[in-house]
């Protein structure tokens, strides 16, 4: 298995997918690191979710499932 070389912040993913960042933040709350979702901690303990390429694909599926009519 290849090592993960980079992550995309939630803001970048929202831009890439044309989705609302708050919506992605809410939906990603159910994701785990094995789903491609991690937290990045910056200066002053600022935290932001970040995603691998697989995580972005998982997030896209969760968004689609949420939009499906019941």
PDB file of N, CA and C in Angstrom:
ATOM      1  N   UNK A   1       0.843  -1.177   0.000  1.00  0.00           N
ATOM      2  CA  UNK A   1       0.000   0.000   0.000  1.00  0.00           C
ATOM      3  C   UNK A   1       0.887   1.240   0.000  1.00  0.00           C
ATOM      4  N   UNK A   2       0.610   2.177  -0.870  1.00  0.00           N
ATOM      5  CA  UNK A   2       1.389   3.407  -0.961  1.00  0.00           C
ATOM      6  C   UNK A   2       1.052   4.349   0.186  1.00  0.00           C
ATOM      7  N   UNK A   3       2.051   5.091   0.613  1.00  0.00           N
ATOM      8  CA  UNK A   3       1.840   6.071   1.676  1.00  0.00           C
ATOM      9  C   UNK A   3       1.061   7.263   1.126  1.00  0.00           C
ATOM     10  N   UNK A   4       0.295   7.888   1.994  1.00  0.00           N
ATOM     11  CA  UNK A   4      -0.464   9.077   1.613  1.00  0.00           C
ATOM     12  C   UNK A   4       0.494  10.260   1.611  1.00  0.00           C
ATOM     13  N   UNK A   5       0.558  10.971   0.502  1.00  0.00           N
ATOM     14  CA  UNK A   5       1.514  12.065   0.361  1.00  0.00           C
ATOM     15  C   UNK A   5       0.957  13.443   0.660  1.00  0.00           C
ATOM     16  N   UNK A   6      -0.356  13.593   0.606  1.00  0.00           N
ATOM     17  CA  UNK A   6      -0.930  14.913   0.841  1.00  0.00           C
ATOM     18  C   UNK A   6      -2.402  14.795   1.215  1.00  0.00           C
ATOM     19  N   UNK A   7      -2.911  15.888   1.794  1.00  0.00           N
ATOM     20  CA  UNK A   7      -4.318  16.004   2.182  1.00  0.00           C
ATOM     21  C   UNK A   7      -4.858  17.308   1.621  1.00  0.00           C
ATOM     22  N   UNK A   8      -6.163  17.360   1.434  1.00  0.00           N
ATOM     23  CA  UNK A   8      -6.845  18.575   0.997  1.00  0.00           C
ATOM     24  C   UNK A   8      -7.672  19.101   2.163  1.00  0.00           C
ATOM     25  N   UNK A   9      -7.554  20.383   2.465  1.00  0.00           N
ATOM     26  CA  UNK A   9      -8.369  20.961   3.536  1.00  0.00           C
ATOM     27  C   UNK A   9      -9.833  20.993   3.111  1.00  0.00           C
ATOM     28  N   UNK A  10     -10.706  21.098   4.084  1.00  0.00           N
ATOM     29  CA  UNK A  10     -12.139  21.101   3.791  1.00  0.00           C
ATOM     30  C   UNK A  10     -12.525  22.288   2.909  1.00  0.00           C
ATOM     31  N   UNK A  11     -11.850  23.424   3.100  1.00  0.00           N
ATOM     32  CA  UNK A  11     -12.126  24.583   2.248  1.00  0.00           C
ATOM     33  C   UNK A  11     -11.785  24.310   0.794  1.00  0.00           C
ATOM     34  N   UNK A  12     -10.656  23.638   0.571  1.00  0.00           N
ATOM     35  CA  UNK A  12     -10.247  23.287  -0.791  1.00  0.00           C
ATOM     36  C   UNK A  12     -11.194  22.258  -1.395  1.00  0.00           C
ATOM     37  N   UNK A  13     -11.616  21.279  -0.599  1.00  0.00           N
ATOM     38  CA  UNK A  13     -12.548  20.263  -1.082  1.00  0.00           C
ATOM     39  C   UNK A  13     -13.890  20.905  -1.448  1.00  0.00           C
ATOM     40  N   UNK A  14     -14.363  21.816  -0.623  1.00  0.00           N
ATOM     41  CA  UNK A  14     -15.621  22.511  -0.930  1.00  0.00           C
ATOM     42  C   UNK A  14     -15.510  23.235  -2.268  1.00  0.00           C
ATOM     43  N   UNK A  15     -14.378  23.882  -2.491  1.00  0.00           N
ATOM     44  CA  UNK A  15     -14.145  24.575  -3.753  1.00  0.00           C
ATOM     45  C   UNK A  15     -14.106  23.587  -4.921  1.00  0.00           C
ATOM     46  N   UNK A  16     -13.403  22.481  -4.742  1.00  0.00           N
ATOM     47  CA  UNK A  16     -13.273  21.469  -5.801  1.00  0.00           C
ATOM     48  C   UNK A  16     -14.624  20.877  -6.182  1.00  0.00           C
ATOM     49  N   UNK A  17     -15.468  20.632  -5.174  1.00  0.00           N
ATOM     50  CA  UNK A  17     -16.755  19.976  -5.411  1.00  0.00           C
ATOM     51  C   UNK A  17     -17.894  20.954  -5.668  1.00  0.00           C
ATOM     52  N   UNK A  18     -17.654  22.244  -5.473  1.00  0.00           N
ATOM     53  CA  UNK A  18     -18.715  23.230  -5.631  1.00  0.00           C
ATOM     54  C   UNK A  18     -19.790  23.080  -4.567  1.00  0.00           C
ATOM     55  N   UNK A  19     -19.366  22.701  -3.368  1.00  0.00           N
ATOM     56  CA  UNK A  19     -20.294  22.469  -2.257  1.00  0.00           C
ATOM     57  C   UNK A  19     -20.047  23.480  -1.145  1.00  0.00           C
ATOM     58  N   UNK A  20     -21.024  23.610  -0.271  1.00  0.00           N
ATOM     59  CA  UNK A  20     -20.927  24.482   0.886  1.00  0.00           C
ATOM     60  C   UNK A  20     -20.014  23.839   1.930  1.00  0.00           C
ATOM     61  N   UNK A  21     -19.046  24.597   2.421  1.00  0.00           N
ATOM     62  CA  UNK A  21     -18.099  24.070   3.400  1.00  0.00           C
ATOM     63  C   UNK A  21     -18.788  23.620   4.684  1.00  0.00           C
ATOM     64  N   UNK A  22     -19.792  24.363   5.136  1.00  0.00           N
ATOM     65  CA  UNK A  22     -20.515  23.978   6.357  1.00  0.00           C
ATOM     66  C   UNK A  22     -21.220  22.633   6.184  1.00  0.00           C
ATOM     67  N   UNK A  23     -21.792  22.410   5.006  1.00  0.00           N
ATOM     68  CA  UNK A  23     -22.448  21.133   4.720  1.00  0.00           C
ATOM     69  C   UNK A  23     -21.433  19.993   4.771  1.00  0.00           C
ATOM     70  N   UNK A  24     -20.278  20.188   4.138  1.00  0.00           N
ATOM     71  CA  UNK A  24     -19.250  19.155   4.139  1.00  0.00           C
ATOM     72  C   UNK A  24     -18.738  18.890   5.547  1.00  0.00           C
ATOM     73  N   UNK A  25     -18.615  19.942   6.335  1.00  0.00           N
ATOM     74  CA  UNK A  25     -18.167  19.791   7.725  1.00  0.00           C
ATOM     75  C   UNK A  25     -19.161  18.926   8.502  1.00  0.00           C
ATOM     76  N   UNK A  26     -20.438  19.205   8.325  1.00  0.00           N
ATOM     77  CA  UNK A  26     -21.485  18.437   9.008  1.00  0.00           C
ATOM     78  C   UNK A  26     -21.467  16.967   8.582  1.00  0.00           C
ATOM     79  N   UNK A  27     -21.405  16.740   7.287  1.00  0.00           N
ATOM     80  CA  UNK A  27     -21.437  15.377   6.750  1.00  0.00           C
ATOM     81  C   UNK A  27     -20.185  14.589   7.140  1.00  0.00           C
ATOM     82  N   UNK A  28     -19.039  15.251   7.143  1.00  0.00           N
ATOM     83  CA  UNK A  28     -17.784  14.552   7.420  1.00  0.00           C
ATOM     84  C   UNK A  28     -17.639  14.141   8.882  1.00  0.00           C
ATOM     85  N   UNK A  29     -18.517  14.630   9.737  1.00  0.00           N
ATOM     86  CA  UNK A  29     -18.452  14.285  11.158  1.00  0.00           C
ATOM     87  C   UNK A  29     -18.567  12.798  11.413  1.00  0.00           C
ATOM     88  N   UNK A  30     -19.174  12.066  10.499  1.00  0.00           N
ATOM     89  CA  UNK A  30     -19.339  10.617  10.659  1.00  0.00           C
ATOM     90  C   UNK A  30     -18.154   9.839  10.092  1.00  0.00           C
ATOM     91  N   UNK A  31     -17.215  10.526   9.445  1.00  0.00           N
ATOM     92  CA  UNK A  31     -16.072   9.845   8.823  1.00  0.00           C
ATOM     93  C   UNK A  31     -14.952   9.625   9.830  1.00  0.00           C
ATOM     94  N   UNK A  32     -14.189   8.571   9.601  1.00  0.00           N
ATOM     95  CA  UNK A  32     -13.055   8.195  10.446  1.00  0.00           C
ATOM     96  C   UNK A  32     -11.765   8.307   9.628  1.00  0.00           C
ATOM     97  N   UNK A  33     -10.609   8.245  10.297  1.00  0.00           N
ATOM     98  CA  UNK A  33      -9.342   8.298   9.553  1.00  0.00           C
ATOM     99  C   UNK A  33      -9.235   7.231   8.458  1.00  0.00           C
ATOM    100  N   UNK A  34      -9.756   6.041   8.714  1.00  0.00           N
ATOM    101  CA  UNK A  34      -9.693   4.998   7.682  1.00  0.00           C
ATOM    102  C   UNK A  34     -10.578   5.314   6.478  1.00  0.00           C
ATOM    103  N   UNK A  35     -11.473   6.305   6.628  1.00  0.00           N
ATOM    104  CA  UNK A  35     -12.318   6.770   5.525  1.00  0.00           C
ATOM    105  C   UNK A  35     -11.638   7.888   4.740  1.00  0.00           C
ATOM    106  N   UNK A  36     -10.421   8.277   5.167  1.00  0.00           N
ATOM    107  CA  UNK A  36      -9.698   9.348   4.486  1.00  0.00           C
ATOM    108  C   UNK A  36      -9.942  10.721   5.068  1.00  0.00           C
ATOM    109  N   UNK A  37     -10.314  10.791   6.341  1.00  0.00           N
ATOM    110  CA  UNK A  37     -10.636  12.048   7.020  1.00  0.00           C
ATOM    111  C   UNK A  37      -9.743  12.193   8.246  1.00  0.00           C
ATOM    112  N   UNK A  38      -9.026  13.311   8.337  1.00  0.00           N
ATOM    113  CA  UNK A  38      -8.173  13.593   9.496  1.00  0.00           C
ATOM    114  C   UNK A  38      -8.382  15.046   9.917  1.00  0.00           C
ATOM    115  N   UNK A  39      -7.851  15.381  11.080  1.00  0.00           N
ATOM    116  CA  UNK A  39      -7.855  16.764  11.552  1.00  0.00           C
ATOM    117  C   UNK A  39      -6.433  17.290  11.504  1.00  0.00           C
ATOM    118  N   UNK A  40      -6.264  18.516  10.997  1.00  0.00           N
ATOM    119  CA  UNK A  40      -4.972  19.178  10.941  1.00  0.00           C
ATOM    120  C   UNK A  40      -5.008  20.310  11.965  1.00  0.00           C
ATOM    121  N   UNK A  41      -3.983  20.363  12.809  1.00  0.00           N
ATOM    122  CA  UNK A  41      -3.914  21.392  13.843  1.00  0.00           C
ATOM    123  C   UNK A  41      -2.813  22.374  13.472  1.00  0.00           C
ATOM    124  N   UNK A  42      -3.180  23.653  13.462  1.00  0.00           N
ATOM    125  CA  UNK A  42      -2.238  24.700  13.071  1.00  0.00           C
ATOM    126  C   UNK A  42      -1.861  25.588  14.236  1.00  0.00           C
ATOM    127  N   UNK A  43      -1.405  26.767  13.902  1.00  0.00           N
ATOM    128  CA  UNK A  43      -0.975  27.753  14.892  1.00  0.00           C
ATOM    129  C   UNK A  43      -2.151  28.126  15.777  1.00  0.00           C
ATOM    130  N   UNK A  44      -1.882  28.253  17.072  1.00  0.00           N
ATOM    131  CA  UNK A  44      -2.928  28.635  18.010  1.00  0.00           C
ATOM    132  C   UNK A  44      -3.982  27.562  18.168  1.00  0.00           C
ATOM    133  N   UNK A  45      -3.616  26.325  17.905  1.00  0.00           N
ATOM    134  CA  UNK A  45      -4.540  25.189  18.005  1.00  0.00           C
ATOM    135  C   UNK A  45      -5.728  25.288  17.059  1.00  0.00           C
ATOM    136  N   UNK A  46      -5.574  26.060  15.978  1.00  0.00           N
ATOM    137  CA  UNK A  46      -6.616  26.114  14.946  1.00  0.00           C
ATOM    138  C   UNK A  46      -6.725  24.727  14.326  1.00  0.00           C
ATOM    139  N   UNK A  47      -7.942  24.216  14.203  1.00  0.00           N
ATOM    140  CA  UNK A  47      -8.171  22.880  13.653  1.00  0.00           C
ATOM    141  C   UNK A  47      -8.995  22.974  12.371  1.00  0.00           C
ATOM    142  N   UNK A  48      -8.671  22.111  11.426  1.00  0.00           N
ATOM    143  CA  UNK A  48      -9.458  22.028  10.199  1.00  0.00           C
ATOM    144  C   UNK A  48      -9.480  20.581   9.715  1.00  0.00           C
ATOM    145  N   UNK A  49     -10.620  20.120   9.243  1.00  0.00           N
ATOM    146  CA  UNK A  49     -10.667  18.783   8.656  1.00  0.00           C
ATOM    147  C   UNK A  49      -9.903  18.762   7.331  1.00  0.00           C
ATOM    148  N   UNK A  50      -9.330  17.609   7.027  1.00  0.00           N
ATOM    149  CA  UNK A  50      -8.635  17.427   5.761  1.00  0.00           C
ATOM    150  C   UNK A  50      -8.920  16.016   5.250  1.00  0.00           C
ATOM    151  N   UNK A  51      -8.749  15.829   3.944  1.00  0.00           N
ATOM    152  CA  UNK A  51      -9.150  14.586   3.293  1.00  0.00           C
ATOM    153  C   UNK A  51      -8.098  14.104   2.308  1.00  0.00           C
ATOM    154  N   UNK A  52      -7.962  12.780   2.225  1.00  0.00           N
ATOM    155  CA  UNK A  52      -7.172  12.156   1.173  1.00  0.00           C
ATOM    156  C   UNK A  52      -8.036  12.117  -0.084  1.00  0.00           C
ATOM    157  N   UNK A  53      -7.457  11.664  -1.188  1.00  0.00           N
ATOM    158  CA  UNK A  53      -8.259  11.512  -2.406  1.00  0.00           C
ATOM    159  C   UNK A  53      -9.387  10.511  -2.181  1.00  0.00           C
ATOM    160  N   UNK A  54      -9.096   9.414  -1.482  1.00  0.00           N
ATOM    161  CA  UNK A  54     -10.164   8.451  -1.159  1.00  0.00           C
ATOM    162  C   UNK A  54     -11.212   9.093  -0.253  1.00  0.00           C
ATOM    163  N   UNK A  55     -10.764   9.922   0.663  1.00  0.00           N
ATOM    164  CA  UNK A  55     -11.692  10.616   1.549  1.00  0.00           C
ATOM    165  C   UNK A  55     -12.632  11.532   0.787  1.00  0.00           C
ATOM    166  N   UNK A  56     -12.108  12.184  -0.239  1.00  0.00           N
ATOM    167  CA  UNK A  56     -12.954  13.050  -1.074  1.00  0.00           C
ATOM    168  C   UNK A  56     -14.010  12.208  -1.782  1.00  0.00           C
ATOM    169  N   UNK A  57     -13.623  11.054  -2.289  1.00  0.00           N
ATOM    170  CA  UNK A  57     -14.595  10.163  -2.944  1.00  0.00           C
ATOM    171  C   UNK A  57     -15.657   9.700  -1.946  1.00  0.00           C
ATOM    172  N   UNK A  58     -15.233   9.344  -0.736  1.00  0.00           N
ATOM    173  CA  UNK A  58     -16.198   8.947   0.302  1.00  0.00           C
ATOM    174  C   UNK A  58     -17.135  10.093   0.639  1.00  0.00           C
ATOM    175  N   UNK A  59     -16.593  11.290   0.738  1.00  0.00           N
ATOM    176  CA  UNK A  59     -17.403  12.466   1.045  1.00  0.00           C
ATOM    177  C   UNK A  59     -18.417  12.730  -0.065  1.00  0.00           C
ATOM    178  N   UNK A  60     -18.010  12.581  -1.316  1.00  0.00           N
ATOM    179  CA  UNK A  60     -18.932  12.759  -2.447  1.00  0.00           C
ATOM    180  C   UNK A  60     -20.097  11.775  -2.346  1.00  0.00           C
ATOM    181  N   UNK A  61     -19.816  10.549  -1.960  1.00  0.00           N
ATOM    182  CA  UNK A  61     -20.874   9.553  -1.807  1.00  0.00           C
ATOM    183  C   UNK A  61     -21.826   9.936  -0.673  1.00  0.00           C
ATOM    184  N   UNK A  62     -21.276  10.441   0.426  1.00  0.00           N
ATOM    185  CA  UNK A  62     -22.127  10.855   1.550  1.00  0.00           C
ATOM    186  C   UNK A  62     -23.018  12.035   1.170  1.00  0.00           C
ATOM    187  N   UNK A  63     -22.479  12.967   0.385  1.00  0.00           N
ATOM    188  CA  UNK A  63     -23.278  14.109  -0.084  1.00  0.00           C
ATOM    189  C   UNK A  63     -24.404  13.604  -0.979  1.00  0.00           C
ATOM    190  N   UNK A  64     -24.094  12.682  -1.888  1.00  0.00           N
ATOM    191  CA  UNK A  64     -25.112  12.154  -2.801  1.00  0.00           C
ATOM    192  C   UNK A  64     -26.209  11.412  -2.016  1.00  0.00           C
ATOM    193  N   UNK A  65     -25.801  10.629  -1.019  1.00  0.00           N
ATOM    194  CA  UNK A  65     -26.783   9.901  -0.206  1.00  0.00           C
ATOM    195  C   UNK A  65     -27.689  10.864   0.554  1.00  0.00           C
ATOM    196  N   UNK A  66     -27.123  11.938   1.027  1.00  0.00           N
ATOM    197  CA  UNK A  66     -27.919  12.921   1.766  1.00  0.00           C
ATOM    198  C   UNK A  66     -28.947  13.588   0.871  1.00  0.00           C
ATOM    199  N   UNK A  67     -28.625  13.744  -0.389  1.00  0.00           N
ATOM    200  CA  UNK A  67     -29.520  14.441  -1.330  1.00  0.00           C
ATOM    201  C   UNK A  67     -30.570  13.533  -1.929  1.00  0.00           C
ATOM    202  N   UNK A  68     -30.433  12.230  -1.731  1.00  0.00           N
ATOM    203  CA  UNK A  68     -31.428  11.294  -2.278  1.00  0.00           C
ATOM    204  C   UNK A  68     -32.775  11.507  -1.600  1.00  0.00           C
ATOM    205  N   UNK A  69     -33.848  11.524  -2.400  1.00  0.00           N
ATOM    206  CA  UNK A  69     -35.187  11.664  -1.785  1.00  0.00           C
ATOM    207  C   UNK A  69     -35.527  10.402  -0.988  1.00  0.00           C
ATOM    208  N   UNK A  70     -36.233  10.617   0.076  1.00  0.00           N
ATOM    209  CA  UNK A  70     -36.614   9.487   0.942  1.00  0.00           C
ATOM    210  C   UNK A  70     -37.831   8.781   0.430  1.00  0.00           C
TER     211      UNK A  70
END
